[in-house]
Amino acid sequence: SIMKIAMATAWFEILPYWVARGKFIVPTLQVHDSLMLRLRGFDQGELVELDAQMRAAMFSAAPSGFRVPLDAGNGVAANWGEMVH
């Protein structure tokens, strides 16, 4: 599935990229087409970069010729209770 491929990209490419830079980043929860990451130590510019990386992973996971429009969004909150769903 597209989500499984995107998650593999995140696990094997994106997470190691940030860990090598001394950042705390852990995949915490996946529900349907949503992935929650627990982060610590990211500044605003790094969050923008991470968002771009995750979007690229999601969009590149679609098979060639995939005709259904894909969209990806993100949210940042101090805790689950503050997350806008």
PDB file of N, CA and C in Angstrom:
ATOM      1  N   SER A   1       0.833  -1.193   0.000  1.00  0.00           N
ATOM      2  CA  SER A   1       0.000   0.000   0.000  1.00  0.00           C
ATOM      3  C   SER A   1       0.876   1.254   0.000  1.00  0.00           C
ATOM      4  N   ILE A   2       0.312   2.340  -0.416  1.00  0.00           N
ATOM      5  CA  ILE A   2       1.031   3.615  -0.481  1.00  0.00           C
ATOM      6  C   ILE A   2       1.540   3.999   0.903  1.00  0.00           C
ATOM      7  N   MET A   3       0.706   3.832   1.907  1.00  0.00           N
ATOM      8  CA  MET A   3       1.100   4.228   3.263  1.00  0.00           C
ATOM      9  C   MET A   3       2.272   3.380   3.758  1.00  0.00           C
ATOM     10  N   LYS A   4       2.259   2.100   3.491  1.00  0.00           N
ATOM     11  CA  LYS A   4       3.347   1.227   3.944  1.00  0.00           C
ATOM     12  C   LYS A   4       4.664   1.599   3.271  1.00  0.00           C
ATOM     13  N   ILE A   5       4.615   1.930   1.990  1.00  0.00           N
ATOM     14  CA  ILE A   5       5.824   2.348   1.278  1.00  0.00           C
ATOM     15  C   ILE A   5       6.327   3.668   1.838  1.00  0.00           C
ATOM     16  N   ALA A   6       5.420   4.610   2.075  1.00  0.00           N
ATOM     17  CA  ALA A   6       5.803   5.906   2.646  1.00  0.00           C
ATOM     18  C   ALA A   6       6.402   5.739   4.036  1.00  0.00           C
ATOM     19  N   MET A   7       5.821   4.841   4.842  1.00  0.00           N
ATOM     20  CA  MET A   7       6.348   4.597   6.181  1.00  0.00           C
ATOM     21  C   MET A   7       7.742   3.974   6.118  1.00  0.00           C
ATOM     22  N   ALA A   8       7.990   3.103   5.160  1.00  0.00           N
ATOM     23  CA  ALA A   8       9.317   2.509   5.007  1.00  0.00           C
ATOM     24  C   ALA A   8      10.334   3.582   4.651  1.00  0.00           C
ATOM     25  N   THR A   9       9.958   4.497   3.775  1.00  0.00           N
ATOM     26  CA  THR A   9      10.845   5.609   3.423  1.00  0.00           C
ATOM     27  C   THR A   9      11.135   6.453   4.652  1.00  0.00           C
ATOM     28  N   ALA A  10      10.115   6.735   5.425  1.00  0.00           N
ATOM     29  CA  ALA A  10      10.303   7.535   6.647  1.00  0.00           C
ATOM     30  C   ALA A  10      11.248   6.808   7.603  1.00  0.00           C
ATOM     31  N   TRP A  11      11.023   5.518   7.808  1.00  0.00           N
ATOM     32  CA  TRP A  11      11.798   4.740   8.780  1.00  0.00           C
ATOM     33  C   TRP A  11      13.266   4.601   8.368  1.00  0.00           C
ATOM     34  N   PHE A  12      13.507   4.313   7.092  1.00  0.00           N
ATOM     35  CA  PHE A  12      14.869   4.002   6.644  1.00  0.00           C
ATOM     36  C   PHE A  12      15.648   5.189   6.085  1.00  0.00           C
ATOM     37  N   GLU A  13      14.969   6.289   5.784  1.00  0.00           N
ATOM     38  CA  GLU A  13      15.664   7.442   5.208  1.00  0.00           C
ATOM     39  C   GLU A  13      15.498   8.711   6.045  1.00  0.00           C
ATOM     40  N   ILE A  14      14.271   9.080   6.337  1.00  0.00           N
ATOM     41  CA  ILE A  14      14.014  10.364   6.993  1.00  0.00           C
ATOM     42  C   ILE A  14      14.417  10.333   8.466  1.00  0.00           C
ATOM     43  N   LEU A  15      13.983   9.326   9.210  1.00  0.00           N
ATOM     44  CA  LEU A  15      14.338   9.262  10.625  1.00  0.00           C
ATOM     45  C   LEU A  15      15.846   9.199  10.844  1.00  0.00           C
ATOM     46  N   PRO A  16      16.583   8.335  10.127  1.00  0.00           N
ATOM     47  CA  PRO A  16      18.043   8.321  10.323  1.00  0.00           C
ATOM     48  C   PRO A  16      18.716   9.654   9.990  1.00  0.00           C
ATOM     49  N   TYR A  17      18.184  10.363   9.009  1.00  0.00           N
ATOM     50  CA  TYR A  17      18.709  11.687   8.651  1.00  0.00           C
ATOM     51  C   TYR A  17      18.674  12.614   9.867  1.00  0.00           C
ATOM     52  N   TRP A  18      17.541  12.629  10.579  1.00  0.00           N
ATOM     53  CA  TRP A  18      17.393  13.529  11.725  1.00  0.00           C
ATOM     54  C   TRP A  18      18.132  13.015  12.961  1.00  0.00           C
ATOM     55  N   VAL A  19      18.116  11.719  13.178  1.00  0.00           N
ATOM     56  CA  VAL A  19      18.844  11.148  14.318  1.00  0.00           C
ATOM     57  C   VAL A  19      20.331  11.457  14.186  1.00  0.00           C
ATOM     58  N   ALA A  20      20.869  11.376  12.972  1.00  0.00           N
ATOM     59  CA  ALA A  20      22.287  11.682  12.747  1.00  0.00           C
ATOM     60  C   ALA A  20      22.604  13.134  13.071  1.00  0.00           C
ATOM     61  N   ARG A  21      21.592  13.979  13.061  1.00  0.00           N
ATOM     62  CA  ARG A  21      21.760  15.396  13.400  1.00  0.00           C
ATOM     63  C   ARG A  21      21.427  15.686  14.865  1.00  0.00           C
ATOM     64  N   GLY A  22      21.261  14.627  15.649  1.00  0.00           N
ATOM     65  CA  GLY A  22      21.049  14.777  17.076  1.00  0.00           C
ATOM     66  C   GLY A  22      19.624  15.093  17.485  1.00  0.00           C
ATOM     67  N   LYS A  23      18.672  14.861  16.599  1.00  0.00           N
ATOM     68  CA  LYS A  23      17.267  15.146  16.905  1.00  0.00           C
ATOM     69  C   LYS A  23      16.570  13.908  17.429  1.00  0.00           C
ATOM     70  N   PHE A  24      15.590  14.120  18.303  1.00  0.00           N
ATOM     71  CA  PHE A  24      14.740  13.040  18.810  1.00  0.00           C
ATOM     72  C   PHE A  24      13.526  12.966  17.898  1.00  0.00           C
ATOM     73  N   ILE A  25      13.375  11.839  17.211  1.00  0.00           N
ATOM     74  CA  ILE A  25      12.227  11.639  16.320  1.00  0.00           C
ATOM     75  C   ILE A  25      11.857  10.165  16.362  1.00  0.00           C
ATOM     76  N   VAL A  26      10.629   9.878  16.765  1.00  0.00           N
ATOM     77  CA  VAL A  26      10.178   8.502  16.926  1.00  0.00           C
ATOM     78  C   VAL A  26       8.779   8.379  16.333  1.00  0.00           C
ATOM     79  N   PRO A  27       8.556   7.405  15.436  1.00  0.00           N
ATOM     80  CA  PRO A  27       7.192   7.158  14.987  1.00  0.00           C
ATOM     81  C   PRO A  27       6.403   6.568  16.154  1.00  0.00           C
ATOM     82  N   THR A  28       5.266   7.164  16.446  1.00  0.00           N
ATOM     83  CA  THR A  28       4.501   6.785  17.622  1.00  0.00           C
ATOM     84  C   THR A  28       3.223   6.033  17.294  1.00  0.00           C
ATOM     85  N   LEU A  29       2.538   6.449  16.243  1.00  0.00           N
ATOM     86  CA  LEU A  29       1.227   5.871  15.961  1.00  0.00           C
ATOM     87  C   LEU A  29       0.921   6.004  14.480  1.00  0.00           C
ATOM     88  N   GLN A  30       0.340   4.952  13.907  1.00  0.00           N
ATOM     89  CA  GLN A  30      -0.165   5.001  12.537  1.00  0.00           C
ATOM     90  C   GLN A  30      -1.603   4.512  12.569  1.00  0.00           C
ATOM     91  N   VAL A  31      -2.508   5.343  12.070  1.00  0.00           N
ATOM     92  CA  VAL A  31      -3.921   4.983  11.988  1.00  0.00           C
ATOM     93  C   VAL A  31      -4.394   5.321  10.578  1.00  0.00           C
ATOM     94  N   HIS A  32      -4.819   4.319   9.842  1.00  0.00           N
ATOM     95  CA  HIS A  32      -5.253   4.467   8.453  1.00  0.00           C
ATOM     96  C   HIS A  32      -4.165   5.185   7.657  1.00  0.00           C
ATOM     97  N   ASP A  33      -4.422   6.418   7.239  1.00  0.00           N
ATOM     98  CA  ASP A  33      -3.454   7.143   6.421  1.00  0.00           C
ATOM     99  C   ASP A  33      -2.762   8.261   7.205  1.00  0.00           C
ATOM    100  N   SER A  34      -2.712   8.136   8.509  1.00  0.00           N
ATOM    101  CA  SER A  34      -2.061   9.143   9.357  1.00  0.00           C
ATOM    102  C   SER A  34      -0.890   8.520  10.103  1.00  0.00           C
ATOM    103  N   LEU A  35       0.156   9.308  10.239  1.00  0.00           N
ATOM    104  CA  LEU A  35       1.336   8.870  10.962  1.00  0.00           C
ATOM    105  C   LEU A  35       1.696   9.947  11.973  1.00  0.00           C
ATOM    106  N   MET A  36       1.812   9.541  13.246  1.00  0.00           N
ATOM    107  CA  MET A  36       2.196  10.490  14.285  1.00  0.00           C
ATOM    108  C   MET A  36       3.652  10.245  14.653  1.00  0.00           C
ATOM    109  N   LEU A  37       4.414  11.350  14.681  1.00  0.00           N
ATOM    110  CA  LEU A  37       5.802  11.298  15.086  1.00  0.00           C
ATOM    111  C   LEU A  37       5.971  12.085  16.367  1.00  0.00           C
ATOM    112  N   ARG A  38       6.774  11.580  17.259  1.00  0.00           N
ATOM    113  CA  ARG A  38       7.107  12.316  18.484  1.00  0.00           C
ATOM    114  C   ARG A  38       8.456  12.989  18.239  1.00  0.00           C
ATOM    115  N   LEU A  39       8.508  14.300  18.424  1.00  0.00           N
ATOM    116  CA  LEU A  39       9.700  15.090  18.110  1.00  0.00           C
ATOM    117  C   LEU A  39      10.157  15.872  19.329  1.00  0.00           C
ATOM    118  N   ARG A  40      11.453  16.119  19.363  1.00  0.00           N
ATOM    119  CA  ARG A  40      12.002  17.013  20.380  1.00  0.00           C
ATOM    120  C   ARG A  40      13.235  17.686  19.777  1.00  0.00           C
ATOM    121  N   GLY A  41      13.385  18.982  20.019  1.00  0.00           N
ATOM    122  CA  GLY A  41      14.583  19.692  19.612  1.00  0.00           C
ATOM    123  C   GLY A  41      14.561  20.259  18.211  1.00  0.00           C
ATOM    124  N   PHE A  42      13.420  20.298  17.565  1.00  0.00           N
ATOM    125  CA  PHE A  42      13.310  20.828  16.206  1.00  0.00           C
ATOM    126  C   PHE A  42      12.962  22.318  16.258  1.00  0.00           C
ATOM    127  N   ASP A  43      13.653  23.123  15.461  1.00  0.00           N
ATOM    128  CA  ASP A  43      13.251  24.525  15.328  1.00  0.00           C
ATOM    129  C   ASP A  43      12.267  24.633  14.161  1.00  0.00           C
ATOM    130  N   GLN A  44      11.723  25.821  13.941  1.00  0.00           N
ATOM    131  CA  GLN A  44      10.681  25.993  12.918  1.00  0.00           C
ATOM    132  C   GLN A  44      11.182  25.622  11.525  1.00  0.00           C
ATOM    133  N   GLY A  45      12.394  26.011  11.191  1.00  0.00           N
ATOM    134  CA  GLY A  45      12.940  25.676   9.875  1.00  0.00           C
ATOM    135  C   GLY A  45      13.090  24.173   9.679  1.00  0.00           C
ATOM    136  N   GLU A  46      13.492  23.483  10.725  1.00  0.00           N
ATOM    137  CA  GLU A  46      13.633  22.033  10.654  1.00  0.00           C
ATOM    138  C   GLU A  46      12.279  21.351  10.521  1.00  0.00           C
ATOM    139  N   LEU A  47      11.251  21.905  11.165  1.00  0.00           N
ATOM    140  CA  LEU A  47       9.905  21.350  11.013  1.00  0.00           C
ATOM    141  C   LEU A  47       9.419  21.497   9.579  1.00  0.00           C
ATOM    142  N   VAL A  48       9.742  22.618   8.950  1.00  0.00           N
ATOM    143  CA  VAL A  48       9.369  22.828   7.550  1.00  0.00           C
ATOM    144  C   VAL A  48      10.084  21.799   6.666  1.00  0.00           C
ATOM    145  N   GLU A  49      11.369  21.581   6.930  1.00  0.00           N
ATOM    146  CA  GLU A  49      12.137  20.596   6.163  1.00  0.00           C
ATOM    147  C   GLU A  49      11.576  19.189   6.367  1.00  0.00           C
ATOM    148  N   LEU A  50      11.269  18.826   7.602  1.00  0.00           N
ATOM    149  CA  LEU A  50      10.700  17.518   7.894  1.00  0.00           C
ATOM    150  C   LEU A  50       9.358  17.347   7.182  1.00  0.00           C
ATOM    151  N   ASP A  51       8.526  18.378   7.195  1.00  0.00           N
ATOM    152  CA  ASP A  51       7.239  18.325   6.506  1.00  0.00           C
ATOM    153  C   ASP A  51       7.450  18.056   5.021  1.00  0.00           C
ATOM    154  N   ALA A  52       8.397  18.741   4.393  1.00  0.00           N
ATOM    155  CA  ALA A  52       8.676  18.536   2.969  1.00  0.00           C
ATOM    156  C   ALA A  52       9.158  17.108   2.706  1.00  0.00           C
ATOM    157  N   GLN A  53      10.001  16.594   3.591  1.00  0.00           N
ATOM    158  CA  GLN A  53      10.490  15.225   3.435  1.00  0.00           C
ATOM    159  C   GLN A  53       9.348  14.213   3.541  1.00  0.00           C
ATOM    160  N   MET A  54       8.471  14.408   4.517  1.00  0.00           N
ATOM    161  CA  MET A  54       7.360  13.469   4.710  1.00  0.00           C
ATOM    162  C   MET A  54       6.377  13.545   3.544  1.00  0.00           C
ATOM    163  N   ARG A  55       6.098  14.745   3.063  1.00  0.00           N
ATOM    164  CA  ARG A  55       5.204  14.888   1.899  1.00  0.00           C
ATOM    165  C   ARG A  55       5.801  14.188   0.683  1.00  0.00           C
ATOM    166  N   ALA A  56       7.096  14.386   0.461  1.00  0.00           N
ATOM    167  CA  ALA A  56       7.761  13.746  -0.674  1.00  0.00           C
ATOM    168  C   ALA A  56       7.683  12.225  -0.548  1.00  0.00           C
ATOM    169  N   ALA A  57       7.863  11.699   0.669  1.00  0.00           N
ATOM    170  CA  ALA A  57       7.764  10.256   0.887  1.00  0.00           C
ATOM    171  C   ALA A  57       6.363   9.755   0.561  1.00  0.00           C
ATOM    172  N   MET A  58       5.355  10.502   0.984  1.00  0.00           N
ATOM    173  CA  MET A  58       3.968  10.103   0.722  1.00  0.00           C
ATOM    174  C   MET A  58       3.663  10.115  -0.774  1.00  0.00           C
ATOM    175  N   PHE A  59       4.008  11.207  -1.433  1.00  0.00           N
ATOM    176  CA  PHE A  59       3.662  11.350  -2.848  1.00  0.00           C
ATOM    177  C   PHE A  59       4.468  10.403  -3.732  1.00  0.00           C
ATOM    178  N   SER A  60       5.726  10.155  -3.403  1.00  0.00           N
ATOM    179  CA  SER A  60       6.538   9.272  -4.238  1.00  0.00           C
ATOM    180  C   SER A  60       6.179   7.800  -4.036  1.00  0.00           C
ATOM    181  N   ALA A  61       5.413   7.495  -3.013  1.00  0.00           N
ATOM    182  CA  ALA A  61       5.005   6.108  -2.752  1.00  0.00           C
ATOM    183  C   ALA A  61       3.898   5.643  -3.689  1.00  0.00           C
ATOM    184  N   ALA A  62       3.220   6.588  -4.315  1.00  0.00           N
ATOM    185  CA  ALA A  62       2.132   6.226  -5.233  1.00  0.00           C
ATOM    186  C   ALA A  62       2.717   5.593  -6.491  1.00  0.00           C
ATOM    187  N   PRO A  63       2.061   4.570  -7.017  1.00  0.00           N
ATOM    188  CA  PRO A  63       2.581   3.928  -8.223  1.00  0.00           C
ATOM    189  C   PRO A  63       2.498   4.860  -9.431  1.00  0.00           C
ATOM    190  N   SER A  64       3.346   4.615 -10.389  1.00  0.00           N
ATOM    191  CA  SER A  64       3.348   5.384 -11.634  1.00  0.00           C
ATOM    192  C   SER A  64       1.966   5.310 -12.280  1.00  0.00           C
ATOM    193  N   GLY A  65       1.455   6.436 -12.723  1.00  0.00           N
ATOM    194  CA  GLY A  65       0.142   6.475 -13.360  1.00  0.00           C
ATOM    195  C   GLY A  65      -1.020   6.522 -12.395  1.00  0.00           C
ATOM    196  N   PHE A  66      -0.755   6.636 -11.093  1.00  0.00           N
ATOM    197  CA  PHE A  66      -1.816   6.704 -10.075  1.00  0.00           C
ATOM    198  C   PHE A  66      -2.679   7.927 -10.357  1.00  0.00           C
ATOM    199  N   ARG A  67      -3.980   7.744 -10.511  1.00  0.00           N
ATOM    200  CA  ARG A  67      -4.845   8.825 -10.968  1.00  0.00           C
ATOM    201  C   ARG A  67      -5.689   9.469  -9.872  1.00  0.00           C
ATOM    202  N   VAL A  68      -5.654   8.952  -8.672  1.00  0.00           N
ATOM    203  CA  VAL A  68      -6.432   9.534  -7.580  1.00  0.00           C
ATOM    204  C   VAL A  68      -5.606  10.652  -6.960  1.00  0.00           C
ATOM    205  N   PRO A  69      -6.173  11.850  -6.826  1.00  0.00           N
ATOM    206  CA  PRO A  69      -5.398  12.943  -6.233  1.00  0.00           C
ATOM    207  C   PRO A  69      -5.002  12.624  -4.791  1.00  0.00           C
ATOM    208  N   LEU A  70      -3.754  12.897  -4.466  1.00  0.00           N
ATOM    209  CA  LEU A  70      -3.263  12.696  -3.109  1.00  0.00           C
ATOM    210  C   LEU A  70      -3.055  14.046  -2.444  1.00  0.00           C
ATOM    211  N   ASP A  71      -3.248  14.075  -1.148  1.00  0.00           N
ATOM    212  CA  ASP A  71      -2.993  15.276  -0.371  1.00  0.00           C
ATOM    213  C   ASP A  71      -2.323  14.845   0.924  1.00  0.00           C
ATOM    214  N   ALA A  72      -1.494  15.698   1.461  1.00  0.00           N
ATOM    215  CA  ALA A  72      -0.845  15.410   2.733  1.00  0.00           C
ATOM    216  C   ALA A  72      -0.805  16.694   3.541  1.00  0.00           C
ATOM    217  N   GLY A  73      -1.089  16.582   4.804  1.00  0.00           N
ATOM    218  CA  GLY A  73      -1.048  17.739   5.687  1.00  0.00           C
ATOM    219  C   GLY A  73      -0.281  17.378   6.939  1.00  0.00           C
ATOM    220  N   ASN A  74      -0.100  18.355   7.787  1.00  0.00           N
ATOM    221  CA  ASN A  74       0.576  18.078   9.047  1.00  0.00           C
ATOM    222  C   ASN A  74       0.000  18.951  10.134  1.00  0.00           C
ATOM    223  N   GLY A  75       0.273  18.583  11.339  1.00  0.00           N
ATOM    224  CA  GLY A  75      -0.112  19.359  12.502  1.00  0.00           C
ATOM    225  C   GLY A  75       0.972  19.206  13.555  1.00  0.00           C
ATOM    226  N   VAL A  76       1.153  20.238  14.337  1.00  0.00           N
ATOM    227  CA  VAL A  76       2.154  20.208  15.402  1.00  0.00           C
ATOM    228  C   VAL A  76       1.470  20.664  16.682  1.00  0.00           C
ATOM    229  N   ALA A  77       1.651  19.914  17.745  1.00  0.00           N
ATOM    230  CA  ALA A  77       1.078  20.267  19.040  1.00  0.00           C
ATOM    231  C   ALA A  77       1.995  19.764  20.140  1.00  0.00           C
ATOM    232  N   ALA A  78       1.880  20.349  21.294  1.00  0.00           N
ATOM    233  CA  ALA A  78       2.699  19.953  22.438  1.00  0.00           C
ATOM    234  C   ALA A  78       2.332  18.558  22.938  1.00  0.00           C
ATOM    235  N   ASN A  79       1.061  18.164  22.728  1.00  0.00           N
ATOM    236  CA  ASN A  79       0.616  16.842  23.152  1.00  0.00           C
ATOM    237  C   ASN A  79      -0.602  16.427  22.336  1.00  0.00           C
ATOM    238  N   TRP A  80      -0.989  15.173  22.452  1.00  0.00           N
ATOM    239  CA  TRP A  80      -2.105  14.633  21.678  1.00  0.00           C
ATOM    240  C   TRP A  80      -3.394  15.417  21.919  1.00  0.00           C
ATOM    241  N   GLY A  81      -3.662  15.808  23.133  1.00  0.00           N
ATOM    242  CA  GLY A  81      -4.889  16.530  23.465  1.00  0.00           C
ATOM    243  C   GLY A  81      -4.992  17.883  22.781  1.00  0.00           C
ATOM    244  N   GLU A  82      -3.867  18.505  22.445  1.00  0.00           N
ATOM    245  CA  GLU A  82      -3.879  19.791  21.773  1.00  0.00           C
ATOM    246  C   GLU A  82      -3.872  19.683  20.257  1.00  0.00           C
ATOM    247  N   MET A  83      -3.734  18.460  19.728  1.00  0.00           N
ATOM    248  CA  MET A  83      -3.667  18.267  18.293  1.00  0.00           C
ATOM    249  C   MET A  83      -5.013  18.553  17.665  1.00  0.00           C
ATOM    250  N   VAL A  84      -5.009  19.327  16.603  1.00  0.00           N
ATOM    251  CA  VAL A  84      -6.232  19.601  15.853  1.00  0.00           C
ATOM    252  C   VAL A  84      -6.435  18.461  14.883  1.00  0.00           C
ATOM    253  N   HIS A  85      -7.600  17.836  14.950  1.00  0.00           N
ATOM    254  CA  HIS A  85      -7.879  16.665  14.098  1.00  0.00           C
ATOM    255  C   HIS A  85      -8.660  17.090  12.885  1.00  0.00           C
TER     256      HIS A  85
END
